[in-house]
Amino acid sequence: MSDPTQVLAFETDCHIFDGCGFPGPGLHSFLFEPLWGDPESNAYFNKPMLLALLGSIIVVGFFWAAFRKPKVVPGKLQMVAEAGYDFVRRGIVYETLGKKEGEKYVPFMVSLFFFVWMLNLWSIIPVAQFPVTSIIAYPAILAAIVYLTWMSVTFKRHGFVGGFKNITGYDKSLGAILPMVMVIEFFSNVIVRPFTHAVRLFANMFAGHTLLLLFTIASWYLLNGIGIAYAGVSFVMVIVMTAFELFIQAVQAYVFVLLACSFIQGALAEHH
């Protein structure tokens, strides 16, 4: 279903000087009617869910097509896939975890990077025009997967006591302030860290989509009388914000995976 704000602005032909107020974007811009099912029963399927599913299919389909028959001299598709894979492997995983420790996490991080990036990219793809990660549930689930991986690695590597010391920053040299430090570190690592991991991605995509909606709707709303000149400026901003959003989408996927690697790096580090 189309965005409610866009429906209001475009289908009602609402322009400045027509006596109608500016239909600005808001929380309602992130709500969608079900494509299937009943929202009252929480068993339904809507546009963001469809985009998330299509994003998964696209990422899996792309790498399957690229590597199903790998060649020593790669074709164009395989070359692009290898470049993307190598960027995450060498530029993020190896740089953070090292080659020896990081190799086993490369498939997970590559999948995570391209999935997040694809969910972000829907924002600027015609017809879709909505970043799935601007709905907090999706970044939260991905952050939860990273969190569970981080915790399992921590306790598997150090055992229960060692793992507890790892996540609480236990250091007996701190003396009297050790209990306070442990409480702060525990709260920071166990509660704040996964929360900020999810919110960082969500907030950037939410804000970016809101700005794109604002300038897009304003371009249409001002398209009347002397407002046409301002509509042109607003449309230029749509183009600028689209280019900027394209950059931010890649950066946020990079940051999300970089943080995931840093969490695991902390779990693997020897406690002193």
Protein backbone atom coordinates (compact mmCIF):
# COMPACT_ATOMS: atom_id res chain seq x y z
CA MET A 1 0.00 0.00 0.00
CA SER A 2 1.20 3.52 -0.68
CA ASP A 3 2.34 5.74 2.14
CA PRO A 4 -0.69 7.46 3.77
CA THR A 5 0.93 10.90 3.58
CA GLN A 6 1.66 10.50 -0.10
CA VAL A 7 -1.91 9.38 -0.72
CA LEU A 8 -3.20 12.48 1.08
CA ALA A 9 -0.88 14.83 -0.79
CA PHE A 10 -1.10 13.42 -4.29
CA GLU A 11 -4.49 11.76 -4.64
CA THR A 12 -6.42 14.72 -3.17
CA ASP A 13 -4.45 17.16 -5.36
CA CYS A 14 -3.67 19.34 -2.36
CA HIS A 15 -1.61 22.45 -3.18
CA ILE A 16 -0.70 25.67 -1.42
CA PHE A 17 -3.33 28.43 -1.79
CA ASP A 18 -6.04 25.75 -2.23
CA GLY A 19 -7.14 26.17 1.37
CA CYS A 20 -5.67 22.89 2.58
CA GLY A 21 -2.91 22.53 5.13
CA PHE A 22 0.47 20.99 4.43
CA PRO A 23 0.16 17.19 4.81
CA GLY A 24 3.49 16.73 6.56
CA PRO A 25 4.99 13.31 7.25
CA GLY A 26 4.79 11.76 10.69
CA LEU A 27 4.44 8.43 12.45
CA HIS A 28 1.48 7.65 10.20
CA SER A 29 3.95 7.59 7.30
CA PHE A 30 5.38 4.37 8.71
CA LEU A 31 2.07 2.54 9.12
CA PHE A 32 0.77 0.26 6.36
CA GLU A 33 -2.47 -1.55 5.82
CA PRO A 34 -2.12 -5.36 5.61
CA LEU A 35 -1.69 -6.87 2.17
CA TRP A 36 -3.03 -10.05 3.69
CA GLY A 37 -4.53 -11.02 7.05
CA ASP A 38 -6.13 -9.24 9.97
CA PRO A 39 -4.04 -6.70 11.95
CA GLU A 40 -6.28 -7.18 14.99
CA SER A 41 -5.09 -10.78 15.31
CA ASN A 42 -1.43 -9.88 14.71
CA ALA A 43 -1.44 -12.42 11.88
CA TYR A 44 -0.95 -10.32 8.77
CA PHE A 45 1.49 -9.50 6.00
CA ASN A 46 2.20 -5.89 5.01
CA LYS A 47 4.49 -3.93 2.71
CA PRO A 48 7.60 -3.81 4.97
CA MET A 49 7.31 -7.57 5.50
CA LEU A 50 7.10 -8.08 1.75
CA LEU A 51 10.15 -5.89 1.18
CA ALA A 52 12.10 -7.78 3.86
CA LEU A 53 11.21 -11.08 2.20
CA LEU A 54 12.12 -9.78 -1.25
CA GLY A 55 15.36 -8.38 0.16
CA SER A 56 16.30 -11.81 1.47
CA ILE A 57 15.51 -13.42 -1.88
CA ILE A 58 17.52 -10.80 -3.78
CA VAL A 59 20.62 -11.18 -1.58
CA VAL A 60 20.52 -15.00 -1.68
CA GLY A 61 19.69 -15.01 -5.39
CA PHE A 62 22.52 -12.61 -6.23
CA PHE A 63 25.23 -14.64 -4.49
CA TRP A 64 23.80 -17.92 -5.75
CA ALA A 65 23.86 -16.64 -9.34
CA ALA A 66 27.38 -15.27 -8.88
CA PHE A 67 28.95 -18.36 -7.31
CA ARG A 68 26.91 -21.33 -8.52
CA LYS A 69 29.49 -21.93 -11.27
CA PRO A 70 32.60 -20.05 -10.12
CA LYS A 71 35.38 -19.54 -12.66
CA VAL A 72 39.08 -18.89 -12.27
CA VAL A 73 38.62 -15.89 -14.54
CA PRO A 74 35.42 -14.42 -13.09
CA GLY A 75 32.63 -12.94 -15.15
CA LYS A 76 31.14 -9.54 -14.33
CA LEU A 77 28.60 -10.84 -11.82
CA GLN A 78 31.12 -13.04 -10.03
CA MET A 79 33.61 -10.17 -9.98
CA VAL A 80 31.10 -7.83 -8.31
CA ALA A 81 30.12 -10.51 -5.77
CA GLU A 82 33.76 -11.28 -4.99
CA ALA A 83 34.50 -7.57 -4.52
CA GLY A 84 31.59 -7.20 -2.09
CA TYR A 85 32.51 -10.36 -0.21
CA ASP A 86 36.16 -9.36 0.00
CA PHE A 87 35.28 -5.86 1.19
CA VAL A 88 33.44 -7.24 4.22
CA ARG A 89 35.98 -10.00 4.84
CA ARG A 90 39.14 -7.90 4.65
CA GLY A 91 37.81 -4.41 5.35
CA ILE A 92 35.68 -5.26 8.39
CA VAL A 93 36.15 -8.79 9.74
CA TYR A 94 39.92 -9.21 9.33
CA GLU A 95 40.57 -5.64 10.46
CA THR A 96 38.57 -6.19 13.64
CA LEU A 97 38.98 -9.85 14.51
CA GLY A 98 42.11 -10.81 12.63
CA LYS A 99 42.35 -13.43 9.91
CA LYS A 100 42.71 -16.47 12.18
CA GLU A 101 39.82 -15.69 14.55
CA GLY A 102 37.66 -13.86 12.02
CA GLU A 103 37.48 -16.36 9.17
CA LYS A 104 34.69 -18.41 10.77
CA TYR A 105 32.54 -15.27 11.15
CA VAL A 106 32.94 -14.05 7.56
CA PRO A 107 29.79 -15.76 6.14
CA PHE A 108 27.67 -14.37 8.98
CA MET A 109 29.02 -10.83 8.61
CA VAL A 110 28.76 -10.83 4.81
CA SER A 111 25.13 -11.98 5.04
CA LEU A 112 24.39 -9.38 7.70
CA PHE A 113 25.99 -6.54 5.73
CA PHE A 114 24.23 -7.18 2.45
CA PHE A 115 20.89 -7.92 4.09
CA VAL A 116 20.95 -4.66 6.08
CA TRP A 117 22.12 -2.75 3.02
CA MET A 118 19.31 -4.19 0.90
CA LEU A 119 16.68 -3.32 3.50
CA ASN A 120 18.07 0.22 3.55
CA LEU A 121 18.17 0.50 -0.24
CA TRP A 122 14.43 -0.04 -0.60
CA SER A 123 14.07 3.63 0.42
CA ILE A 124 15.22 4.91 -2.98
CA ILE A 125 13.95 2.12 -5.21
CA PRO A 126 10.85 3.18 -7.21
CA VAL A 127 7.52 1.67 -6.14
CA ALA A 128 9.05 0.30 -2.91
CA GLN A 129 10.29 3.67 -1.57
CA PHE A 130 10.49 2.57 2.03
CA PRO A 131 13.49 1.54 4.18
CA VAL A 132 12.47 -1.56 6.11
CA THR A 133 15.00 -0.74 8.83
CA SER A 134 13.07 2.44 9.67
CA ILE A 135 10.72 0.14 11.60
CA ILE A 136 12.45 -0.63 14.90
CA ALA A 137 11.43 -4.31 14.96
CA TYR A 138 13.78 -5.21 12.10
CA PRO A 139 16.99 -3.64 13.49
CA ALA A 140 16.02 -4.97 16.93
CA ILE A 141 15.83 -8.56 15.68
CA LEU A 142 19.15 -8.25 13.85
CA ALA A 143 20.77 -6.68 16.92
CA ALA A 144 19.34 -9.50 19.05
CA ILE A 145 20.95 -12.09 16.77
CA VAL A 146 24.30 -10.32 17.12
CA TYR A 147 23.77 -10.06 20.89
CA LEU A 148 23.07 -13.78 21.26
CA THR A 149 26.10 -14.60 19.11
CA TRP A 150 28.27 -12.30 21.22
CA MET A 151 27.04 -13.79 24.50
CA SER A 152 27.43 -17.38 23.32
CA VAL A 153 30.99 -16.69 22.14
CA THR A 154 31.82 -14.96 25.44
CA PHE A 155 30.74 -17.84 27.68
CA LYS A 156 31.99 -20.53 25.30
CA ARG A 157 35.46 -18.97 25.23
CA HIS A 158 35.81 -18.05 28.91
CA GLY A 159 33.35 -20.26 30.77
CA PHE A 160 30.68 -18.92 33.12
CA VAL A 161 32.94 -17.17 35.62
CA GLY A 162 35.34 -15.86 33.01
CA GLY A 163 32.47 -14.74 30.79
CA PHE A 164 30.87 -12.87 33.67
CA LYS A 165 34.17 -11.13 34.36
CA ASN A 166 34.46 -10.28 30.67
CA ILE A 167 31.10 -8.53 30.42
CA THR A 168 31.45 -6.77 33.78
CA GLY A 169 34.98 -5.47 33.24
CA TYR A 170 36.29 -7.24 36.33
CA ASP A 171 39.73 -5.96 37.30
CA LYS A 172 40.82 -6.48 40.91
CA SER A 173 43.37 -3.66 40.58
CA LEU A 174 40.44 -1.21 40.67
CA GLY A 175 40.12 -1.78 44.38
CA ALA A 176 37.18 -0.16 46.19
CA ILE A 177 35.49 1.13 43.03
CA LEU A 178 35.39 -2.35 41.46
CA PRO A 179 31.74 -3.10 42.45
CA MET A 180 30.57 0.20 40.95
CA VAL A 181 32.54 -0.40 37.75
CA MET A 182 31.13 -3.91 37.42
CA VAL A 183 27.55 -2.67 37.79
CA ILE A 184 28.12 0.06 35.20
CA GLU A 185 29.85 -2.31 32.77
CA PHE A 186 27.18 -4.97 33.19
CA PHE A 187 24.39 -2.47 32.54
CA SER A 188 26.29 -0.99 29.59
CA ASN A 189 27.15 -4.30 27.93
CA VAL A 190 24.02 -6.33 28.61
CA ILE A 191 21.33 -3.66 28.18
CA VAL A 192 22.65 -0.45 26.60
CA ARG A 193 24.90 -1.96 23.95
CA PRO A 194 22.28 -4.06 22.08
CA PHE A 195 19.76 -1.22 22.43
CA THR A 196 22.06 1.39 20.87
CA HIS A 197 23.14 -1.10 18.20
CA ALA A 198 19.54 -1.37 17.00
CA VAL A 199 18.55 2.27 17.52
CA ARG A 200 21.55 3.67 15.63
CA LEU A 201 20.41 1.94 12.43
CA PHE A 202 16.71 2.57 13.02
CA ALA A 203 17.08 6.28 13.84
CA ASN A 204 19.20 7.06 10.78
CA MET A 205 16.84 5.31 8.40
CA PHE A 206 13.76 6.79 10.09
CA ALA A 207 15.14 10.33 9.88
CA GLY A 208 16.35 9.92 6.31
CA HIS A 209 13.00 8.63 5.08
CA THR A 210 11.15 11.40 6.90
CA LEU A 211 13.30 14.06 5.20
CA LEU A 212 12.78 12.49 1.79
CA LEU A 213 9.03 12.45 2.39
CA LEU A 214 9.08 16.04 3.60
CA PHE A 215 10.77 17.44 0.49
CA THR A 216 8.86 15.17 -1.90
CA ILE A 217 5.47 16.17 -0.50
CA ALA A 218 6.55 19.82 -0.33
CA SER A 219 7.49 19.75 -4.03
CA TRP A 220 3.95 18.71 -4.91
CA TYR A 221 2.25 20.93 -2.34
CA LEU A 222 4.05 24.09 -3.56
CA LEU A 223 3.30 23.38 -7.22
CA ASN A 224 0.76 26.17 -7.52
CA GLY A 225 1.04 29.85 -8.44
CA ILE A 226 4.13 31.64 -7.14
CA GLY A 227 4.88 28.54 -5.10
CA ILE A 228 6.27 26.87 -8.23
CA ALA A 229 9.67 28.51 -7.69
CA TYR A 230 9.83 27.07 -4.18
CA ALA A 231 8.66 23.71 -5.51
CA GLY A 232 11.72 23.67 -7.78
CA VAL A 233 14.03 24.26 -4.83
CA SER A 234 12.28 21.52 -2.87
CA PHE A 235 12.64 19.11 -5.79
CA VAL A 236 16.38 19.82 -5.97
CA MET A 237 16.52 18.94 -2.29
CA VAL A 238 14.79 15.64 -3.08
CA ILE A 239 17.60 14.80 -5.51
CA VAL A 240 20.28 15.90 -3.05
CA MET A 241 18.72 13.97 -0.17
CA THR A 242 18.34 10.87 -2.34
CA ALA A 243 22.06 10.93 -3.17
CA PHE A 244 22.93 11.56 0.47
CA GLU A 245 20.61 8.77 1.59
CA LEU A 246 22.31 6.37 -0.83
CA PHE A 247 25.59 7.09 0.94
CA ILE A 248 24.09 6.82 4.43
CA GLN A 249 22.47 3.47 3.62
CA ALA A 250 25.84 1.90 2.83
CA VAL A 251 27.51 3.57 5.83
CA GLN A 252 24.87 2.29 8.24
CA ALA A 253 25.22 -1.26 6.96
CA TYR A 254 28.99 -0.92 7.41
CA VAL A 255 28.67 0.49 10.94
CA PHE A 256 26.17 -2.18 11.98
CA VAL A 257 28.52 -4.98 10.93
CA LEU A 258 31.60 -3.19 12.29
CA LEU A 259 29.95 -2.96 15.72
CA ALA A 260 28.94 -6.62 15.53
CA CYS A 261 32.57 -7.54 14.86
CA SER A 262 33.79 -5.33 17.70
CA PHE A 263 31.39 -7.05 20.11
CA ILE A 264 32.70 -10.47 19.12
CA GLN A 265 36.28 -9.19 19.29
CA GLY A 266 35.62 -8.23 22.91
CA ALA A 267 34.20 -11.66 23.58
CA LEU A 268 37.29 -13.36 22.16
CA ALA A 269 39.77 -11.14 23.99
CA GLU A 270 41.60 -12.73 26.89
CA HIS A 271 40.58 -11.34 30.27
CA HIS A 272 43.34 -9.87 32.43
